[in-house]
PDB file of N, CA and C in Angstrom:
ATOM      1  N   ILE A   1     193.625 128.564-131.776  1.00  0.00           N
ATOM      2  CA  ILE A   1     192.462 128.222-132.708  1.00  0.00           C
ATOM      3  C   ILE A   1     191.051 128.696-131.984  1.00  0.00           C
ATOM      4  N   PRO A   2     190.184 129.670-132.558  1.00  0.00           N
ATOM      5  CA  PRO A   2     188.765 129.913-131.890  1.00  0.00           C
ATOM      6  C   PRO A   2     187.509 129.227-133.031  1.00  0.00           C
ATOM      7  N   LEU A   3     187.250 128.121-132.442  1.00  0.00           N
ATOM      8  CA  LEU A   3     186.426 127.050-133.381  1.00  0.00           C
ATOM      9  C   LEU A   3     184.965 127.562-133.175  1.00  0.00           C
ATOM     10  N   ARG A   4     185.167 128.847-132.888  1.00  0.00           N
ATOM     11  CA  ARG A   4     183.272 129.495-132.390  1.00  0.00           C
ATOM     12  C   ARG A   4     182.783 129.116-133.726  1.00  0.00           C
ATOM     13  N   GLY A   5     182.896 130.285-134.978  1.00  0.00           N
ATOM     14  CA  GLY A   5     182.474 130.167-135.902  1.00  0.00           C
ATOM     15  C   GLY A   5     182.567 129.017-137.260  1.00  0.00           C
ATOM     16  N   SER A   6     183.977 128.433-137.267  1.00  0.00           N
ATOM     17  CA  SER A   6     184.922 128.056-138.505  1.00  0.00           C
ATOM     18  C   SER A   6     184.124 126.476-138.386  1.00  0.00           C
ATOM     19  N   VAL A   7     183.310 126.422-137.031  1.00  0.00           N
ATOM     20  CA  VAL A   7     183.441 125.025-136.878  1.00  0.00           C
ATOM     21  C   VAL A   7     181.681 124.019-137.480  1.00  0.00           C
ATOM     22  N   SER A   8     181.366 124.828-138.405  1.00  0.00           N
ATOM     23  CA  SER A   8     180.493 125.058-139.408  1.00  0.00           C
ATOM     24  C   SER A   8     180.601 124.680-140.518  1.00  0.00           C
ATOM     25  N   SER A   9     181.658 125.573-140.720  1.00  0.00           N
ATOM     26  CA  SER A   9     182.062 125.481-142.517  1.00  0.00           C
ATOM     27  C   SER A   9     182.962 124.283-142.375  1.00  0.00           C
ATOM     28  N   LEU A  10     183.738 123.865-141.146  1.00  0.00           N
ATOM     29  CA  LEU A  10     184.318 122.795-141.116  1.00  0.00           C
ATOM     30  C   LEU A  10     183.616 121.294-141.631  1.00  0.00           C
ATOM     31  N   ASN A  11     182.336 121.409-140.773  1.00  0.00           N
ATOM     32  CA  ASN A  11     182.022 120.192-141.037  1.00  0.00           C
ATOM     33  C   ASN A  11     181.022 120.373-142.331  1.00  0.00           C
ATOM     34  N   VAL A  12     180.963 121.824-143.676  1.00  0.00           N
ATOM     35  CA  VAL A  12     180.271 121.607-144.457  1.00  0.00           C
ATOM     36  C   VAL A  12     181.116 121.081-145.290  1.00  0.00           C
ATOM     37  N   SER A  13     183.098 121.155-145.302  1.00  0.00           N
ATOM     38  CA  SER A  13     183.590 120.748-146.159  1.00  0.00           C
ATOM     39  C   SER A  13     184.168 119.149-145.622  1.00  0.00           C
ATOM     40  N   VAL A  14     183.818 118.418-144.632  1.00  0.00           N
ATOM     41  CA  VAL A  14     183.969 117.188-144.280  1.00  0.00           C
ATOM     42  C   VAL A  14     183.082 117.077-145.129  1.00  0.00           C
ATOM     43  N   ALA A  15     181.646 117.010-144.834  1.00  0.00           N
ATOM     44  CA  ALA A  15     180.740 116.074-145.538  1.00  0.00           C
ATOM     45  C   ALA A  15     180.798 117.004-147.186  1.00  0.00           C
ATOM     46  N   THR A  16     181.364 117.410-147.850  1.00  0.00           N
ATOM     47  CA  THR A  16     181.399 117.927-149.124  1.00  0.00           C
ATOM     48  C   THR A  16     182.840 116.236-149.751  1.00  0.00           C
ATOM     49  N   GLY A  17     183.474 116.285-148.708  1.00  0.00           N
ATOM     50  CA  GLY A  17     184.587 115.255-149.175  1.00  0.00           C
ATOM     51  C   GLY A  17     183.885 113.848-148.861  1.00  0.00           C
ATOM     52  N   ILE A  18     183.452 113.305-147.486  1.00  0.00           N
ATOM     53  CA  ILE A  18     182.568 112.545-147.625  1.00  0.00           C
ATOM     54  C   ILE A  18     181.690 111.919-148.833  1.00  0.00           C
ATOM     55  N   CYS A  19     180.323 112.540-149.248  1.00  0.00           N
ATOM     56  CA  CYS A  19     179.747 113.052-150.456  1.00  0.00           C
ATOM     57  C   CYS A  19     181.014 112.521-151.945  1.00  0.00           C
ATOM     58  N   LEU A  20     181.840 113.320-151.815  1.00  0.00           N
ATOM     59  CA  LEU A  20     182.230 112.984-153.287  1.00  0.00           C
ATOM     60  C   LEU A  20     183.329 111.495-153.295  1.00  0.00           C
ATOM     61  N   PHE A  21     183.506 111.260-152.200  1.00  0.00           N
ATOM     62  CA  PHE A  21     183.820 109.702-151.810  1.00  0.00           C
ATOM     63  C   PHE A  21     182.919 108.645-152.176  1.00  0.00           C
ATOM     64  N   GLU A  22     181.959 108.975-151.354  1.00  0.00           N
ATOM     65  CA  GLU A  22     180.963 107.979-151.358  1.00  0.00           C
ATOM     66  C   GLU A  22     180.809 107.623-153.195  1.00  0.00           C
ATOM     67  N   ALA A  23     180.054 109.048-153.546  1.00  0.00           N
ATOM     68  CA  ALA A  23     180.006 108.511-155.275  1.00  0.00           C
ATOM     69  C   ALA A  23     180.347 108.341-156.013  1.00  0.00           C
ATOM     70  N   LEU A  24     182.421 108.171-155.307  1.00  0.00           N
ATOM     71  CA  LEU A  24     183.591 108.112-156.353  1.00  0.00           C
ATOM     72  C   LEU A  24     183.264 106.110-155.927  1.00  0.00           C
ATOM     73  N   ARG A  25     183.374 105.844-155.018  1.00  0.00           N
ATOM     74  CA  ARG A  25     182.895 104.524-154.550  1.00  0.00           C
ATOM     75  C   ARG A  25     182.148 103.198-155.019  1.00  0.00           C
ATOM     76  N   GLN A  26     180.854 103.919-155.091  1.00  0.00           N
ATOM     77  CA  GLN A  26     180.032 103.729-155.831  1.00  0.00           C
ATOM     78  C   GLN A  26     179.628 103.509-156.753  1.00  0.00           C
ATOM     79  N   ARG A  27     180.214 104.669-157.863  1.00  0.00           N
ATOM     80  CA  ARG A  27     180.481 105.106-159.549  1.00  0.00           C
ATOM     81  C   ARG A  27     181.481 103.495-159.864  1.00  0.00           C
ATOM     82  N   ASP A  28     182.793 103.560-159.031  1.00  0.00           N
ATOM     83  CA  ASP A  28     183.711 102.218-159.130  1.00  0.00           C
ATOM     84  C   ASP A  28     183.282 100.827-158.923  1.00  0.00           C
ATOM     85  N   ALA A  29     181.919 100.744-157.957  1.00  0.00           N
ATOM     86  CA  ALA A  29     181.979  99.361-157.454  1.00  0.00           C
ATOM     87  C   ALA A  29     180.833  99.163-159.023  1.00  0.00           C
ATOM     88  N   LYS A  30     179.855 100.173-159.424  1.00  0.00           N
ATOM     89  CA  LYS A  30     179.183  99.440-160.606  1.00  0.00           C
ATOM     90  C   LYS A  30     179.671  99.413-161.555  1.00  0.00           C
ATOM     91  N   GLY A  31     180.909 100.302-161.925  1.00  0.00           N
ATOM     92  CA  GLY A  31     181.626  99.490-163.338  1.00  0.00           C
ATOM     93  C   GLY A  31     182.352  98.564-163.234  1.00  0.00           C
ATOM     94  N   ARG A  32     182.183  97.339-162.508  1.00  0.00           N
ATOM     95  CA  ARG A  32     182.894  95.911-162.220  1.00  0.00           C
ATOM     96  C   ARG A  32     181.669  95.216-160.977  1.00  0.00           C
ATOM     97  N   VAL A  33     180.933  95.361-161.526  1.00  0.00           N
ATOM     98  CA  VAL A  33     179.921  94.776-160.826  1.00  0.00           C
ATOM     99  C   VAL A  33     180.232  93.157-160.605  1.00  0.00           C
ATOM    100  N   GLY A  34     180.560  92.163-161.857  1.00  0.00           N
ATOM    101  CA  GLY A  34     181.012  90.953-162.154  1.00  0.00           C
ATOM    102  C   GLY A  34     181.808  90.639-161.178  1.00  0.00           C
ATOM    103  N   GLY A  35     183.285  90.805-160.446  1.00  0.00           N
ATOM    104  CA  GLY A  35     184.207  90.491-159.750  1.00  0.00           C
ATOM    105  C   GLY A  35     184.462  91.561-158.727  1.00  0.00           C
ATOM    106  N   GLN A  36     184.862  91.467-157.419  1.00  0.00           N
ATOM    107  CA  GLN A  36     186.020  91.738-156.855  1.00  0.00           C
ATOM    108  C   GLN A  36     187.145  91.855-156.472  1.00  0.00           C
ATOM    109  N   GLY A  37     187.653  92.445-156.527  1.00  0.00           N
ATOM    110  CA  GLY A  37     189.727  92.167-156.715  1.00  0.00           C
ATOM    111  C   GLY A  37     190.156  92.109-158.430  1.00  0.00           C
TER     112      GLY A  37
END
């Protein structure tokens, strides 16, 4: 698989997934500030 032009698009998809994961994680942490677990 030639990864000459698709590397940037791969990075974009990975960055998008990381951003979504972080947003969900922070929102979930804010929902239960009182205690962990």
